[in-house]
Amino acid sequence: SDVAFNYYGELNRVNSVPIEITGATFTPTVGGIDLTWDEQTPSETSDLREFRITWHKSSEEHNTLVKHSIRQRDASSYTIENLDSNTEYEVGITWIGYDGIESNIVTQIVTTL
C-alpha cells in the first residue's frame, strides 16, 4: 500500500489494497451457519481493518441485513448462531481495509438444519 508521513512524522497509510476472500465455506448447523475462509498472510492483513459478515433470511429484503465485524487479523472462521432452523439465509463475507475500501463480497445461500 502507499504510505505518507504526517506533520508529526507519523506513518499514515494512503490507500489500502483489498485482498479477495478465498476458500470460503458455508456449513449449515442446527440453528446456525459455520463460515471458514483461507487464512491471510501477514502482508495481506497489513491493510485489514475488519472482516464483515452479513446475513439475512432469503425471503426478506436486504433491509433486514445483520452485520458482524471481526477485527482480528488472523481470523479465518466465524459461527452465526441463533438462526431459525430449516430456513434459507443469504450469507456473505467481505474484507474491509483501514480506509473503507472493500473486497468483492463472497455470498452463498445456505439452509440451516
Protein backbone atom coordinates (compact mmCIF):
# COMPACT_ATOMS: atom_id res chain seq x y z
CA SER A 1 0.00 0.00 0.00
CA ASP A 2 1.02 3.61 -0.42
CA VAL A 3 2.22 5.45 2.66
CA ALA A 4 2.92 9.04 3.65
CA PHE A 5 4.10 10.79 6.79
CA ASN A 6 2.05 13.46 8.54
CA TYR A 7 3.31 16.71 10.09
CA TYR A 8 4.49 14.85 13.21
CA GLY A 9 6.45 12.26 11.25
CA GLU A 10 3.88 9.55 11.97
CA LEU A 11 3.18 6.98 9.29
CA ASN A 12 -0.15 7.45 7.51
CA ARG A 13 -1.39 4.90 5.02
CA VAL A 14 -2.82 6.39 1.85
CA ASN A 15 -4.58 3.52 0.04
CA SER A 16 -5.34 0.04 1.28
CA VAL A 17 -5.19 -2.84 -1.17
CA PRO A 18 -8.18 -5.19 -0.78
CA ILE A 19 -7.49 -8.90 -0.63
CA GLU A 20 -10.05 -11.26 -2.13
CA ILE A 21 -11.61 -13.78 0.25
CA THR A 22 -10.67 -17.28 -0.96
CA GLY A 23 -11.59 -20.80 0.11
CA ALA A 24 -14.85 -19.69 1.74
CA THR A 25 -17.14 -22.44 3.02
CA PHE A 26 -20.62 -22.01 4.47
CA THR A 27 -21.68 -25.07 6.51
CA PRO A 28 -25.23 -25.29 7.90
CA THR A 29 -25.72 -26.36 11.51
CA VAL A 30 -28.80 -26.67 13.71
CA GLY A 31 -29.90 -23.03 14.03
CA GLY A 32 -26.65 -21.65 12.66
CA ILE A 33 -24.02 -21.48 9.94
CA ASP A 34 -20.26 -22.10 10.26
CA LEU A 35 -18.13 -19.91 7.98
CA THR A 36 -14.48 -20.55 7.19
CA TRP A 37 -12.10 -18.95 4.72
CA ASP A 38 -8.42 -19.16 3.84
CA GLU A 39 -6.08 -17.55 6.34
CA GLN A 40 -4.44 -14.37 5.14
CA THR A 41 -0.67 -13.86 5.26
CA PRO A 42 0.68 -11.03 7.45
CA SER A 43 1.39 -8.94 4.34
CA GLU A 44 -2.21 -9.44 3.17
CA THR A 45 -3.63 -8.32 6.52
CA SER A 46 -1.40 -5.26 6.87
CA ASP A 47 -4.18 -3.13 5.35
CA LEU A 48 -7.05 -5.02 7.06
CA ARG A 49 -9.45 -3.16 9.32
CA GLU A 50 -12.02 -5.93 9.60
CA PHE A 51 -13.84 -8.83 8.04
CA ARG A 52 -17.57 -8.10 7.70
CA ILE A 53 -20.01 -11.00 7.96
CA THR A 54 -23.59 -10.32 6.78
CA TRP A 55 -26.73 -12.43 6.69
CA HIS A 56 -30.47 -12.22 6.23
CA LYS A 57 -33.31 -14.61 5.52
CA SER A 58 -33.56 -15.15 1.78
CA SER A 59 -37.30 -14.48 1.97
CA GLU A 60 -36.73 -11.00 3.45
CA GLU A 61 -35.42 -7.77 1.99
CA HIS A 62 -31.82 -6.63 2.41
CA ASN A 63 -33.02 -4.00 4.91
CA THR A 64 -33.15 -6.85 7.44
CA LEU A 65 -29.42 -7.44 6.94
CA VAL A 66 -27.48 -8.34 10.09
CA LYS A 67 -23.80 -7.41 10.23
CA HIS A 68 -20.93 -8.56 12.39
CA SER A 69 -17.39 -7.19 12.26
CA ILE A 70 -14.31 -9.25 13.07
CA ARG A 71 -11.29 -7.06 13.79
CA GLN A 72 -8.95 -9.95 14.43
CA ARG A 73 -6.36 -10.00 11.61
CA ASP A 74 -5.70 -13.74 11.83
CA ALA A 75 -9.39 -14.70 11.82
CA SER A 76 -10.41 -17.41 9.38
CA SER A 77 -13.76 -18.56 10.78
CA TYR A 78 -16.98 -17.37 12.34
CA THR A 79 -20.16 -19.09 13.55
CA ILE A 80 -23.53 -17.43 13.10
CA GLU A 81 -25.82 -18.63 15.88
CA ASN A 82 -29.45 -18.31 16.98
CA LEU A 83 -30.90 -18.58 13.49
CA ASP A 84 -34.23 -20.18 12.65
CA SER A 85 -33.92 -23.89 11.88
CA ASN A 86 -34.70 -25.19 8.38
CA THR A 87 -34.55 -21.64 6.99
CA GLU A 88 -32.72 -20.29 3.95
CA TYR A 89 -30.26 -17.43 4.56
CA GLU A 90 -28.08 -15.37 2.27
CA VAL A 91 -24.67 -15.11 3.94
CA GLY A 92 -21.69 -13.00 2.90
CA ILE A 93 -18.13 -12.15 3.92
CA THR A 94 -16.09 -9.12 2.88
CA TRP A 95 -12.53 -7.91 3.56
CA ILE A 96 -12.53 -4.21 4.62
CA GLY A 97 -9.39 -2.06 4.50
CA TYR A 98 -8.48 0.59 7.09
CA ASP A 99 -9.68 3.31 4.68
CA GLY A 100 -13.03 1.64 3.99
CA ILE A 101 -12.09 0.00 0.68
CA GLU A 102 -13.88 -3.36 0.37
CA SER A 103 -13.13 -6.57 -1.48
CA ASN A 104 -15.87 -8.18 -3.51
CA ILE A 105 -18.36 -9.84 -1.20
CA VAL A 106 -18.42 -13.64 -1.25
CA THR A 107 -22.01 -14.83 -0.80
CA GLN A 108 -23.89 -18.08 -0.63
CA ILE A 109 -27.44 -19.21 0.06
CA VAL A 110 -27.47 -21.67 2.99
CA THR A 111 -30.36 -23.54 4.60
CA THR A 112 -29.92 -24.17 8.32
CA LEU A 113 -30.60 -27.61 9.79
